Amino acid sequence: MHGATCVFLGRGHAYDFDRWEKEGAKGWNYFSCLPYFKKAQKHQLGGDDYRGGHGPLHVSMRNWNNPLHEVLHALAIVIPFKLRQNKLLHL
């Protein structure tokens, strides 16, 4: 039996976190939550201002081809997303 597990990492958009704080959820703005996202991540490219480098969740760039990636990339072009250098999608 063969199997594979793939999870698309999605933190949610910074605007959502900032909106939650504006609506009364004190401390839930994006930059207040960012340190916790970073603590959770061990990114293959290492830590930086937005990625963690030593957390328990291993995050890596795709290293295999899948037609779904092409569909997601096409959607990113149609929807106003910007691709970062490490190919993460950001509004």
Protein backbone atom coordinates (compact mmCIF):
# COMPACT_ATOMS: atom_id res chain seq x y z
CA MET A 1 0.00 0.00 0.00
CA HIS A 2 1.31 3.43 -0.91
CA GLY A 3 0.23 6.68 0.62
CA ALA A 4 1.19 10.28 0.91
CA THR A 5 0.27 13.13 3.14
CA CYS A 6 0.29 16.70 1.97
CA VAL A 7 -0.94 19.72 3.87
CA PHE A 8 -1.19 23.16 2.35
CA LEU A 9 -0.04 25.58 4.97
CA GLY A 10 -2.41 28.47 5.37
CA ARG A 11 -2.23 30.84 8.29
CA GLY A 12 -5.05 33.06 7.23
CA HIS A 13 -4.66 36.54 5.90
CA ALA A 14 -3.17 39.34 7.98
CA TYR A 15 -6.20 41.51 7.25
CA ASP A 16 -8.46 38.97 8.98
CA PHE A 17 -6.37 39.01 12.15
CA ASP A 18 -6.23 42.80 12.15
CA ARG A 19 -10.00 42.96 11.63
CA TRP A 20 -10.58 40.60 14.55
CA GLU A 21 -8.64 42.93 16.81
CA LYS A 22 -10.57 45.95 15.54
CA GLU A 23 -13.77 44.06 16.36
CA GLY A 24 -12.64 43.53 19.95
CA ALA A 25 -10.31 40.51 20.04
CA LYS A 26 -7.43 42.25 21.80
CA GLY A 27 -4.02 40.88 20.92
CA TRP A 28 -5.25 39.04 17.82
CA ASN A 29 -3.70 41.30 15.19
CA TYR A 30 -1.41 39.61 12.71
CA PHE A 31 1.88 40.83 14.13
CA SER A 32 0.88 39.77 17.65
CA CYS A 33 0.11 36.24 16.37
CA LEU A 34 3.11 35.99 14.05
CA PRO A 35 5.59 34.92 16.76
CA TYR A 36 3.37 31.90 17.52
CA PHE A 37 3.19 30.94 13.84
CA LYS A 38 6.97 31.18 13.69
CA LYS A 39 7.43 29.11 16.86
CA ALA A 40 5.35 26.35 15.29
CA GLN A 41 7.33 26.17 12.04
CA LYS A 42 10.56 24.53 11.04
CA HIS A 43 10.78 25.76 7.45
CA GLN A 44 13.14 24.09 5.02
CA LEU A 45 14.44 27.53 3.97
CA GLY A 46 15.11 28.48 7.58
CA GLY A 47 13.61 31.21 9.67
CA ASP A 48 13.15 34.81 8.60
CA ASP A 49 10.76 37.66 9.40
CA TYR A 50 7.73 35.51 8.50
CA ARG A 51 8.91 31.87 8.75
CA GLY A 52 10.04 29.86 11.73
CA GLY A 53 13.18 27.78 11.71
CA HIS A 54 13.04 25.57 14.83
CA GLY A 55 9.42 24.58 15.50
CA PRO A 56 7.79 21.14 15.55
CA LEU A 57 5.91 21.52 12.22
CA HIS A 58 8.19 20.76 9.28
CA VAL A 59 7.34 22.97 6.29
CA SER A 60 8.98 22.45 2.94
CA MET A 61 8.72 23.65 -0.61
CA ARG A 62 7.09 21.25 -3.01
CA ASN A 63 9.57 18.78 -4.39
CA TRP A 64 7.28 16.88 -6.75
CA ASN A 65 5.10 17.80 -9.68
CA ASN A 66 1.36 17.64 -9.41
CA PRO A 67 -1.24 19.08 -11.81
CA LEU A 68 -2.98 20.66 -8.81
CA HIS A 69 -0.02 23.03 -8.40
CA GLU A 70 -0.58 24.33 -11.91
CA VAL A 71 -4.28 24.91 -11.16
CA LEU A 72 -3.44 26.77 -7.94
CA HIS A 73 -0.86 28.87 -9.76
CA ALA A 74 -3.40 29.72 -12.49
CA LEU A 75 -5.89 30.79 -9.80
CA ALA A 76 -3.23 32.97 -8.20
CA ILE A 77 -2.92 34.82 -11.49
CA VAL A 78 -6.69 35.28 -11.89
CA ILE A 79 -7.24 36.26 -8.25
CA PRO A 80 -5.06 39.19 -7.16
CA PHE A 81 -2.43 37.11 -5.35
CA LYS A 82 1.27 37.84 -5.42
CA LEU A 83 3.83 35.05 -5.40
CA ARG A 84 6.67 35.55 -2.93
CA GLN A 85 10.13 34.34 -3.80
CA ASN A 86 9.52 31.12 -1.86
CA LYS A 87 6.28 30.61 -3.80
CA LEU A 88 3.92 31.22 -0.91
CA LEU A 89 0.74 33.00 -1.93
CA HIS A 90 -0.01 36.38 -0.40
CA LEU A 91 -2.68 38.97 -1.15
